[in-house]
Amino acid sequence: MKFFIRRLACLLLLLLPAVLRAQEASVYFFPGVSNPPKIYQGAVDGWEIPQITELNRDRARATAYSFPTEKDALLGNRDKTPRLLSLNGLWDFSFASKPADAPQDFYKSRVRGWQQLAVPANWEMNGYDLPIY
């Protein structure tokens, strides 16, 4: 009997991480949705289902910045560090109302004839798509 209990305890300890990961995944990918819809069977596009608020998203976390020296880190001026690349500025922008209308192979070369959009921006507030309130 002792041998059986020991084996059972070891088995439960081995299975515990897998069970916890499965529970975490079901809550993490579909919060508040008891039976997530089958979005990849062509009947409904996933972005049109309001119950799904996230899919394959990284967990929220604090932002960390790197500084070359301890003195710079204590000052905390992240705009002055050479290790930060700002993506703010004018970006080439092409709006497509659905993925099938998006330009194909745009990443292979420099784009031409696209509109310019100041980033950071919200494209709905710049005349593209329906405004989101």
Protein backbone atom coordinates (compact mmCIF):
# COMPACT_ATOMS: atom_id res chain seq x y z
CA MET A 1 0.00 0.00 0.00
CA LYS A 2 2.86 2.42 0.85
CA PHE A 3 4.42 1.74 -2.53
CA PHE A 4 1.14 2.50 -4.32
CA ILE A 5 0.66 5.80 -2.44
CA ARG A 6 4.22 6.88 -3.22
CA ARG A 7 3.77 6.11 -6.92
CA LEU A 8 0.45 7.93 -6.99
CA ALA A 9 1.98 10.98 -5.28
CA CYS A 10 4.87 11.02 -7.77
CA LEU A 11 2.48 10.72 -10.69
CA LEU A 12 0.35 13.61 -9.41
CA LEU A 13 3.42 15.78 -8.92
CA LEU A 14 4.54 15.04 -12.47
CA LEU A 15 1.12 15.86 -13.94
CA LEU A 16 0.52 19.03 -11.92
CA PRO A 17 2.47 21.44 -14.20
CA ALA A 18 0.64 20.18 -17.30
CA VAL A 19 -2.75 20.61 -15.64
CA LEU A 20 -1.89 24.13 -14.47
CA ARG A 21 -0.68 25.12 -17.96
CA ALA A 22 -3.88 23.79 -19.53
CA GLN A 23 -6.03 25.76 -17.09
CA GLU A 24 -3.96 28.88 -17.63
CA ALA A 25 -4.21 28.56 -21.43
CA SER A 26 -7.97 28.22 -21.41
CA VAL A 27 -8.38 31.34 -19.28
CA TYR A 28 -5.58 33.26 -20.99
CA PHE A 29 -6.66 32.90 -24.61
CA PHE A 30 -10.42 33.22 -24.20
CA PRO A 31 -11.25 35.21 -21.06
CA GLY A 32 -14.95 35.20 -20.28
CA VAL A 33 -15.83 32.84 -23.13
CA SER A 34 -16.93 29.41 -21.92
CA ASN A 35 -17.11 27.82 -25.39
CA PRO A 36 -14.84 29.72 -27.78
CA PRO A 37 -16.17 29.70 -31.35
CA LYS A 38 -14.34 27.81 -34.06
CA ILE A 39 -13.03 30.81 -35.93
CA TYR A 40 -10.72 29.07 -38.36
CA GLN A 41 -13.31 27.04 -40.25
CA GLY A 42 -14.16 29.87 -42.63
CA ALA A 43 -17.65 30.59 -41.27
CA VAL A 44 -16.74 33.64 -39.19
CA ASP A 45 -13.67 35.87 -39.14
CA GLY A 46 -12.05 35.94 -35.70
CA TRP A 47 -11.86 39.72 -35.41
CA GLU A 48 -15.64 39.96 -35.79
CA ILE A 49 -16.38 38.04 -32.57
CA PRO A 50 -16.72 40.55 -29.71
CA GLN A 51 -16.28 37.92 -26.99
CA ILE A 52 -12.69 37.31 -28.05
CA THR A 53 -10.63 40.20 -26.74
CA GLU A 54 -7.22 38.61 -27.13
CA LEU A 55 -5.65 35.73 -29.01
CA ASN A 56 -2.03 34.57 -28.71
CA ARG A 57 -1.15 37.73 -26.79
CA ASP A 58 1.89 38.09 -24.57
CA ARG A 59 1.22 38.67 -20.92
CA ALA A 60 1.24 42.27 -19.71
CA ARG A 61 4.52 43.31 -18.12
CA ALA A 62 6.43 46.35 -17.01
CA THR A 63 8.61 48.12 -19.55
CA ALA A 64 12.33 48.09 -18.82
CA TYR A 65 14.87 50.48 -20.29
CA SER A 66 18.59 49.94 -20.61
CA PHE A 67 21.12 52.66 -19.85
CA PRO A 68 24.87 52.68 -20.53
CA THR A 69 25.81 53.77 -16.98
CA GLU A 70 24.35 53.58 -13.51
CA LYS A 71 24.32 57.39 -13.34
CA ASP A 72 22.17 57.59 -16.50
CA ALA A 73 19.85 54.93 -15.12
CA LEU A 74 19.35 56.87 -11.89
CA LEU A 75 18.51 60.01 -13.88
CA GLY A 76 15.91 57.92 -15.71
CA ASN A 77 15.68 60.07 -18.84
CA ARG A 78 14.82 57.39 -21.39
CA ASP A 79 14.81 59.88 -24.28
CA LYS A 80 18.53 60.50 -23.80
CA THR A 81 19.73 56.89 -23.86
CA PRO A 82 21.46 55.73 -27.07
CA ARG A 83 19.85 52.31 -26.53
CA LEU A 84 16.32 53.46 -27.36
CA LEU A 85 15.09 53.74 -30.94
CA SER A 86 11.97 55.85 -31.31
CA LEU A 87 9.60 54.79 -34.08
CA ASN A 88 7.77 58.13 -34.04
CA GLY A 89 7.66 59.95 -37.36
CA LEU A 90 6.10 59.69 -40.81
CA TRP A 91 5.26 56.17 -41.92
CA ASP A 92 4.13 54.90 -45.30
CA PHE A 93 0.53 53.75 -44.79
CA SER A 94 -1.88 51.73 -46.90
CA PHE A 95 -5.33 50.93 -45.52
CA ALA A 96 -7.19 47.72 -46.42
CA SER A 97 -10.71 47.07 -45.16
CA LYS A 98 -9.99 43.32 -44.94
CA PRO A 99 -6.81 41.20 -45.08
CA ALA A 100 -7.62 39.92 -48.57
CA ASP A 101 -7.41 43.52 -49.89
CA ALA A 102 -4.00 44.20 -48.32
CA PRO A 103 -1.04 44.70 -50.68
CA GLN A 104 0.86 41.46 -51.23
CA ASP A 105 4.66 41.25 -50.89
CA PHE A 106 4.88 44.85 -49.64
CA TYR A 107 7.75 43.87 -47.36
CA LYS A 108 10.08 42.84 -50.20
CA SER A 109 10.91 46.34 -51.43
CA ARG A 110 10.39 50.02 -50.73
CA VAL A 111 6.73 50.95 -51.15
CA ARG A 112 5.67 53.78 -53.47
CA GLY A 113 2.47 55.78 -53.74
CA TRP A 114 1.24 55.12 -50.22
CA GLN A 115 -0.13 57.83 -47.95
CA GLN A 116 1.97 59.27 -45.13
CA LEU A 117 0.75 58.83 -41.55
CA ALA A 118 2.32 60.55 -38.54
CA VAL A 119 3.10 57.94 -35.86
CA PRO A 120 1.98 57.62 -33.12
CA ALA A 121 -1.50 57.90 -34.56
CA ASN A 122 -4.91 56.35 -34.72
CA TRP A 123 -5.79 55.74 -38.36
CA GLU A 124 -9.52 56.06 -37.64
CA MET A 125 -8.92 59.66 -36.53
CA ASN A 126 -7.03 60.27 -39.78
CA GLY A 127 -9.96 59.37 -42.03
CA TYR A 128 -9.40 55.64 -42.48
CA ASP A 129 -12.08 53.12 -41.45
CA LEU A 130 -14.92 53.73 -38.99
CA PRO A 131 -14.16 55.74 -35.84
CA ILE A 132 -13.93 53.69 -32.64
CA TYR A 133 -15.32 55.39 -29.56
